Amino acid sequence: MSAMGDAFIDVQGLCKTYPVGGGLFGRSQTLRAVNAVSFRVGEGTTFGLVGESGSGKTTIAKIVMAAEQRTSGEVRVGGLDPADKDRSVRLRLTRLLQPVLQDPYSSLSPRLRVGSIIAEPMRIHRTQADAKAIQGRVAALLEMVGLTPAMARRYPNELSGGQRQRVAIARALSLDSRCLVLDEPVSALDVSIQAQVLNLLKDLQDRLKLTFLLISHDLAVVSYMSDQIGVLYLGQIMELAPKRIMLPVPRHPYTQALVAAAAPDEAQSLKNAQTVIRGEIPSPLDPPSGCVFHPRCPRAEQRCSTEKPVLRELSPEHWAACHFA
């Protein structure tokens, strides 16, 4: 993979499988959710993983956050292994990295006031001297995300969706975390609010020197936020490159289709390419042979159904897994 300076998140050869079925009458199968995925996230940068639902994006995020155990491969976050069982390592990892989840309606406890929601991590990790210090920190965090300190007395059901997601961001920052995992952070919000939340995240990243791992099905969101982009399909990286290189000249047919769908202006530059893909992503229980994308690829040939393409560097920092890229 291409070098990115100091990598805060380093994922190499990551695989995740799940046993499915079995039992008295069932046939045991293996679901391969993530298959040999590698990427590096430079400190202070944003890496965007984009792909359709079922491509394995959230599984990768869960492994990075230690919410799932990997089957094989190597993962490091700030030099720490998320699979390490040592309690001190897990505590350090929790303070280094925090999630901002997709749905602010369900990620915040309806029984707690906003102030208690933001203060809870600080109480658990004892990062503040006393209750007064916690209260001051909560007020500062609310102001940092564009809310007033008075919001601390409200319950989540008294807030709009955008306000709730700002509270979720404040909670994620309460431990002075250096990295946020953003799992579809704006997909549950109104379109008019999405840009505000994305701009807030970019502003916080610049001010606090944060590292972001962004998960999204929306290439427009990923292209706006990211420095580096990985295109994921059925658990495999199809294309990997810095945004400035990939978006003007996408090399993989799947990336070309995503760009054409997300940015009509850029689609004009691909007018001579066949970029329309049809059908649904196959089941990971029964992935296609050869190139996993070939049943939907407008450029597929016989070779694609039998020979798996290698993720190869086509030009400096630009990787793609396609026989004809």
Protein backbone atom coordinates (compact mmCIF):
# COMPACT_ATOMS: atom_id res chain seq x y z
CA MET A 1 0.00 0.00 0.00
CA SER A 2 1.06 3.58 -0.51
CA ALA A 3 2.88 5.34 2.31
CA MET A 4 0.99 8.00 4.22
CA GLY A 5 3.55 9.25 6.70
CA ASP A 6 2.73 8.37 10.28
CA ALA A 7 -0.24 5.99 10.18
CA PHE A 8 -2.60 6.29 13.11
CA ILE A 9 -4.67 3.31 11.90
CA ASP A 10 -2.80 0.52 10.11
CA VAL A 11 -4.83 -2.39 8.69
CA GLN A 12 -2.99 -5.16 6.85
CA GLY A 13 -4.50 -8.32 5.34
CA LEU A 14 -7.64 -8.07 7.47
CA CYS A 15 -10.06 -10.99 7.17
CA LYS A 16 -13.30 -11.67 9.01
CA THR A 17 -15.44 -14.78 8.61
CA TYR A 18 -18.57 -15.96 10.38
CA PRO A 19 -19.83 -19.56 10.64
CA VAL A 20 -23.41 -19.82 9.40
CA GLY A 21 -25.85 -22.70 9.74
CA GLY A 22 -24.81 -26.10 10.97
CA GLY A 23 -26.68 -27.79 13.78
CA LEU A 24 -28.61 -31.04 13.49
CA PHE A 25 -30.01 -30.60 9.97
CA GLY A 26 -28.40 -27.43 8.63
CA ARG A 27 -25.41 -27.30 6.31
CA SER A 28 -22.51 -25.37 7.79
CA GLN A 29 -21.29 -22.45 5.69
CA THR A 30 -18.73 -19.69 6.06
CA LEU A 31 -19.61 -16.08 5.45
CA ARG A 32 -16.54 -14.07 4.47
CA ALA A 33 -17.42 -10.51 5.42
CA VAL A 34 -13.94 -9.01 4.96
CA ASN A 35 -11.31 -10.50 2.67
CA ALA A 36 -7.65 -9.41 2.83
CA VAL A 37 -8.28 -5.68 3.26
CA SER A 38 -5.29 -3.36 3.76
CA PHE A 39 -5.14 0.39 4.23
CA ARG A 40 -3.42 3.04 6.35
CA VAL A 41 -4.91 6.21 7.84
CA GLY A 42 -2.39 8.99 8.28
CA GLU A 43 -2.55 10.93 11.53
CA GLY A 44 -4.71 14.03 11.18
CA THR A 45 -6.26 12.84 7.90
CA THR A 46 -9.58 11.29 6.85
CA PHE A 47 -9.80 7.87 5.23
CA GLY A 48 -13.14 7.16 3.59
CA LEU A 49 -14.44 3.62 3.04
CA VAL A 50 -17.25 3.68 0.49
CA GLY A 51 -19.43 0.91 -0.88
CA GLU A 52 -22.94 -0.49 -0.98
CA SER A 53 -24.70 -2.00 2.00
CA GLY A 54 -23.31 -5.47 2.61
CA SER A 55 -19.81 -4.62 1.42
CA GLY A 56 -18.22 -5.04 4.86
CA LYS A 57 -17.61 -1.40 5.81
CA THR A 58 -19.19 -1.53 9.26
CA THR A 59 -17.53 -4.87 10.03
CA ILE A 60 -14.13 -3.25 9.43
CA ALA A 61 -15.10 -0.33 11.69
CA LYS A 62 -16.18 -2.71 14.46
CA ILE A 63 -12.88 -4.58 14.29
CA VAL A 64 -10.92 -1.32 14.48
CA MET A 65 -13.02 -0.31 17.52
CA ALA A 66 -12.53 -3.74 19.18
CA ALA A 67 -16.27 -4.45 18.98
CA GLU A 68 -15.50 -7.50 16.80
CA GLN A 69 -12.53 -9.88 16.76
CA ARG A 70 -10.72 -10.32 13.48
CA THR A 71 -10.21 -13.77 11.97
CA SER A 72 -6.76 -12.96 10.62
CA GLY A 73 -4.58 -10.04 9.60
CA GLU A 74 -3.07 -7.18 11.58
CA VAL A 75 -4.68 -4.03 12.96
CA ARG A 76 -3.01 -1.23 14.92
CA VAL A 77 -4.63 1.92 16.28
CA GLY A 78 -2.17 4.42 17.69
CA GLY A 79 0.27 1.53 17.94
CA LEU A 80 -2.20 -0.59 19.96
CA ASP A 81 -3.80 -3.88 18.93
CA PRO A 82 -7.62 -3.76 19.32
CA ALA A 83 -7.58 -7.53 19.89
CA ASP A 84 -5.33 -7.21 22.96
CA LYS A 85 -7.16 -8.50 26.05
CA ASP A 86 -5.06 -6.51 28.51
CA ARG A 87 -7.36 -4.16 30.41
CA SER A 88 -4.92 -1.27 30.38
CA VAL A 89 -4.56 -1.53 26.61
CA ARG A 90 -8.34 -1.59 26.16
CA LEU A 91 -8.72 1.51 28.32
CA ARG A 92 -6.02 3.36 26.38
CA LEU A 93 -7.66 2.35 23.11
CA THR A 94 -11.05 3.60 24.31
CA ARG A 95 -9.56 6.97 25.10
CA LEU A 96 -7.74 7.14 21.78
CA LEU A 97 -10.69 6.26 19.57
CA GLN A 98 -14.42 6.91 19.85
CA PRO A 99 -17.35 6.29 17.47
CA VAL A 100 -20.00 8.60 16.08
CA LEU A 101 -22.77 6.27 15.01
CA GLN A 102 -25.33 6.48 12.24
CA ASP A 103 -28.56 7.08 14.11
CA PRO A 104 -28.58 9.81 16.76
CA TYR A 105 -32.11 8.76 17.68
CA SER A 106 -30.92 5.42 19.07
CA SER A 107 -27.29 6.10 20.02
CA LEU A 108 -28.25 8.43 22.89
CA SER A 109 -30.01 7.11 25.99
CA PRO A 110 -33.51 8.64 26.22
CA ARG A 111 -33.39 8.32 30.03
CA LEU A 112 -30.40 10.63 30.52
CA ARG A 113 -30.12 14.36 30.12
CA VAL A 114 -27.65 15.63 27.54
CA GLY A 115 -25.22 16.75 30.25
CA SER A 116 -25.15 13.27 31.77
CA ILE A 117 -24.68 11.64 28.36
CA ILE A 118 -21.60 13.75 27.63
CA ALA A 119 -20.26 13.44 31.18
CA GLU A 120 -20.59 9.65 31.45
CA PRO A 121 -17.28 8.76 29.71
CA MET A 122 -15.45 11.30 31.89
CA ARG A 123 -16.90 9.77 35.04
CA ILE A 124 -16.04 6.24 33.95
CA HIS A 125 -12.45 7.11 33.03
CA ARG A 126 -12.05 9.69 35.82
CA THR A 127 -10.53 12.29 33.53
CA GLN A 128 -11.79 15.28 35.56
CA ALA A 129 -11.02 16.23 39.17
CA ASP A 130 -14.57 16.65 40.43
CA ALA A 131 -18.21 17.28 39.50
CA LYS A 132 -17.60 20.99 38.94
CA ALA A 133 -14.80 20.27 36.48
CA ILE A 134 -17.01 17.80 34.63
CA GLN A 135 -19.80 20.37 34.41
CA GLY A 136 -17.39 22.95 33.00
CA ARG A 137 -16.05 20.48 30.48
CA VAL A 138 -19.60 19.56 29.36
CA ALA A 139 -20.42 23.23 28.81
CA ALA A 140 -17.22 23.72 26.80
CA LEU A 141 -17.95 20.66 24.64
CA LEU A 142 -21.49 21.82 23.91
CA GLU A 143 -20.19 25.18 22.75
CA MET A 144 -17.51 23.46 20.70
CA VAL A 145 -20.15 21.59 18.67
CA GLY A 146 -22.37 24.64 18.20
CA LEU A 147 -24.86 24.14 21.04
CA THR A 148 -25.51 26.22 24.15
CA PRO A 149 -24.58 25.03 27.67
CA ALA A 150 -28.28 25.22 28.55
CA MET A 151 -28.80 22.18 26.30
CA ALA A 152 -27.21 20.07 29.05
CA ARG A 153 -30.53 20.08 30.93
CA ARG A 154 -32.56 18.72 28.03
CA TYR A 155 -33.39 15.13 27.10
CA PRO A 156 -32.54 13.78 23.62
CA ASN A 157 -36.22 13.68 22.59
CA GLU A 158 -36.32 17.45 23.01
CA LEU A 159 -33.65 17.93 20.34
CA SER A 160 -33.68 17.81 16.56
CA GLY A 161 -31.76 15.14 14.67
CA GLY A 162 -28.90 17.51 13.89
CA GLN A 163 -28.68 18.62 17.53
CA ARG A 164 -28.59 14.99 18.69
CA GLN A 165 -25.73 14.20 16.34
CA ARG A 166 -23.85 17.22 17.69
CA VAL A 167 -24.36 15.81 21.19
CA ALA A 168 -23.00 12.46 19.98
CA ILE A 169 -19.92 14.25 18.61
CA ALA A 170 -19.46 16.10 21.92
CA ARG A 171 -19.63 12.79 23.79
CA ALA A 172 -17.03 11.27 21.44
CA LEU A 173 -14.69 14.18 22.17
CA SER A 174 -15.20 14.12 25.94
CA LEU A 175 -12.11 11.93 26.50
CA ASP A 176 -9.89 14.08 24.24
CA SER A 177 -9.86 11.24 21.74
CA ARG A 178 -7.45 11.57 18.82
CA CYS A 179 -9.52 9.55 16.35
CA LEU A 180 -13.22 9.28 15.52
CA VAL A 181 -14.84 6.41 13.64
CA LEU A 182 -17.69 8.02 11.71
CA ASP A 183 -20.15 5.30 10.71
CA GLU A 184 -22.63 6.91 8.27
CA PRO A 185 -22.62 10.05 10.46
CA VAL A 186 -25.17 12.02 8.40
CA SER A 187 -27.26 9.40 6.57
CA ALA A 188 -30.10 9.62 9.14
CA LEU A 189 -30.27 13.43 8.94
CA ASP A 190 -32.22 15.75 6.67
CA VAL A 191 -30.27 16.84 3.61
CA SER A 192 -30.36 20.46 4.80
CA ILE A 193 -28.62 19.47 8.06
CA GLN A 194 -26.04 17.08 6.61
CA ALA A 195 -23.75 19.81 5.30
CA GLN A 196 -23.79 21.59 8.66
CA VAL A 197 -22.67 18.46 10.52
CA LEU A 198 -19.99 17.65 7.93
CA ASN A 199 -18.65 21.19 8.12
CA LEU A 200 -18.58 20.94 11.91
CA LEU A 201 -16.56 17.72 11.70
CA LYS A 202 -14.05 19.26 9.28
CA ASP A 203 -13.70 22.30 11.52
CA LEU A 204 -13.12 20.13 14.60
CA GLN A 205 -10.58 18.07 12.72
CA ASP A 206 -8.60 21.19 11.80
CA ARG A 207 -8.77 22.63 15.33
CA LEU A 208 -8.05 19.43 17.25
CA LYS A 209 -5.85 17.60 14.71
CA LEU A 210 -8.21 14.63 14.68
CA THR A 211 -7.97 11.47 12.58
CA PHE A 212 -11.19 10.20 10.98
CA LEU A 213 -12.16 6.77 9.66
CA LEU A 214 -15.29 7.55 7.65
CA ILE A 215 -17.75 4.82 6.65
CA SER A 216 -20.40 5.70 4.07
CA HIS A 217 -22.36 4.42 1.09
CA ASP A 218 -22.48 7.98 -0.27
CA LEU A 219 -19.49 8.87 -2.45
CA ALA A 220 -20.45 12.56 -2.32
CA VAL A 221 -19.98 12.55 1.47
CA VAL A 222 -16.75 10.58 1.24
CA SER A 223 -15.31 12.81 -1.48
CA TYR A 224 -16.10 15.95 0.52
CA MET A 225 -14.55 14.70 3.76
CA SER A 226 -11.71 12.38 2.78
CA ASP A 227 -8.05 12.68 1.92
CA GLN A 228 -7.77 8.99 0.99
CA ILE A 229 -10.55 6.75 -0.37
CA GLY A 230 -10.97 2.98 -0.38
CA VAL A 231 -13.73 1.53 -2.55
CA LEU A 232 -15.08 -1.66 -0.99
CA TYR A 233 -17.15 -4.35 -2.68
CA LEU A 234 -18.16 -7.66 -1.12
CA GLY A 235 -15.46 -7.40 1.52
CA GLN A 236 -12.62 -6.54 -0.88
CA ILE A 237 -10.85 -3.32 -1.85
CA MET A 238 -11.58 -2.55 -5.50
CA GLU A 239 -9.67 0.73 -5.68
CA LEU A 240 -7.50 2.72 -3.30
CA ALA A 241 -5.98 6.16 -3.81
CA PRO A 242 -5.86 9.72 -2.55
CA LYS A 243 -9.03 11.63 -3.43
CA ARG A 244 -7.12 14.06 -5.65
CA ILE A 245 -5.96 11.12 -7.79
CA MET A 246 -8.96 8.79 -7.76
CA LEU A 247 -11.94 11.03 -8.43
CA PRO A 248 -10.68 12.76 -11.60
CA VAL A 249 -9.63 9.41 -13.13
CA PRO A 250 -11.27 6.40 -11.45
CA ARG A 251 -9.75 3.18 -12.80
CA HIS A 252 -12.13 0.44 -11.61
CA PRO A 253 -15.54 0.05 -13.31
CA TYR A 254 -17.27 -0.02 -9.91
CA THR A 255 -15.65 3.26 -8.87
CA GLN A 256 -16.56 4.76 -12.25
CA ALA A 257 -20.19 3.83 -11.66
CA LEU A 258 -20.15 5.34 -8.16
CA VAL A 259 -18.60 8.56 -9.47
CA ALA A 260 -21.11 8.75 -12.32
CA ALA A 261 -24.00 8.33 -9.89
CA ALA A 262 -22.67 10.80 -7.32
CA ALA A 263 -21.33 13.58 -9.53
CA PRO A 264 -23.10 14.21 -12.86
CA ASP A 265 -20.43 16.72 -13.93
CA GLU A 266 -17.68 14.16 -13.49
CA ALA A 267 -19.89 11.59 -15.19
CA GLN A 268 -19.56 13.68 -18.35
CA SER A 269 -15.83 13.04 -18.31
CA LEU A 270 -16.63 9.32 -18.33
CA LYS A 271 -19.19 9.54 -21.14
CA ASN A 272 -17.23 7.13 -23.32
CA ALA A 273 -17.08 4.53 -20.54
CA GLN A 274 -19.83 2.08 -19.76
CA THR A 275 -20.57 2.98 -16.15
CA VAL A 276 -24.05 1.63 -15.56
CA ILE A 277 -24.22 -1.33 -13.21
CA ARG A 278 -27.36 -3.35 -12.61
CA GLY A 279 -28.61 -5.81 -10.04
CA GLU A 280 -27.78 -6.18 -6.37
CA ILE A 281 -24.61 -7.01 -4.52
CA PRO A 282 -24.32 -10.84 -4.26
CA SER A 283 -24.58 -12.70 -0.99
CA PRO A 284 -21.22 -13.10 0.80
CA LEU A 285 -22.33 -16.67 1.51
CA ASP A 286 -22.05 -17.43 -2.20
CA PRO A 287 -19.61 -14.94 -3.74
CA PRO A 288 -18.93 -15.09 -7.48
CA SER A 289 -15.81 -16.85 -8.70
CA GLY A 290 -12.95 -14.87 -10.15
CA CYS A 291 -13.58 -11.16 -9.79
CA VAL A 292 -16.42 -10.72 -7.31
CA PHE A 293 -17.72 -7.76 -9.32
CA HIS A 294 -17.85 -9.48 -12.72
CA PRO A 295 -21.61 -10.42 -12.72
CA ARG A 296 -22.47 -6.69 -12.60
CA CYS A 297 -19.51 -5.28 -14.50
CA PRO A 298 -20.27 -3.78 -17.96
CA ARG A 299 -16.68 -4.54 -19.05
CA ALA A 300 -16.48 -8.15 -17.86
CA GLU A 301 -14.93 -10.81 -20.07
CA GLN A 302 -14.52 -14.56 -19.71
CA ARG A 303 -11.26 -14.15 -17.81
CA CYS A 304 -13.06 -12.18 -15.10
CA SER A 305 -15.26 -15.14 -14.11
CA THR A 306 -12.33 -17.47 -13.51
CA GLU A 307 -9.32 -15.38 -12.48
CA LYS A 308 -9.31 -13.14 -9.42
CA PRO A 309 -7.63 -9.78 -10.13
CA VAL A 310 -4.80 -8.67 -7.86
CA LEU A 311 -4.92 -5.27 -6.20
CA ARG A 312 -1.99 -3.65 -8.02
CA GLU A 313 -0.41 -0.23 -8.15
CA LEU A 314 -1.27 1.26 -11.54
CA SER A 315 0.50 4.56 -10.88
CA PRO A 316 2.09 6.10 -7.78
CA GLU A 317 -0.40 5.85 -4.86
CA HIS A 318 -3.19 4.54 -7.13
CA TRP A 319 -4.24 0.90 -6.66
CA ALA A 320 -7.00 -1.07 -8.37
CA ALA A 321 -8.15 -4.70 -8.56
CA CYS A 322 -9.19 -5.06 -12.19
CA HIS A 323 -7.64 -7.03 -15.05
CA PHE A 324 -8.25 -4.19 -17.50
CA ALA A 325 -7.62 -1.11 -15.36
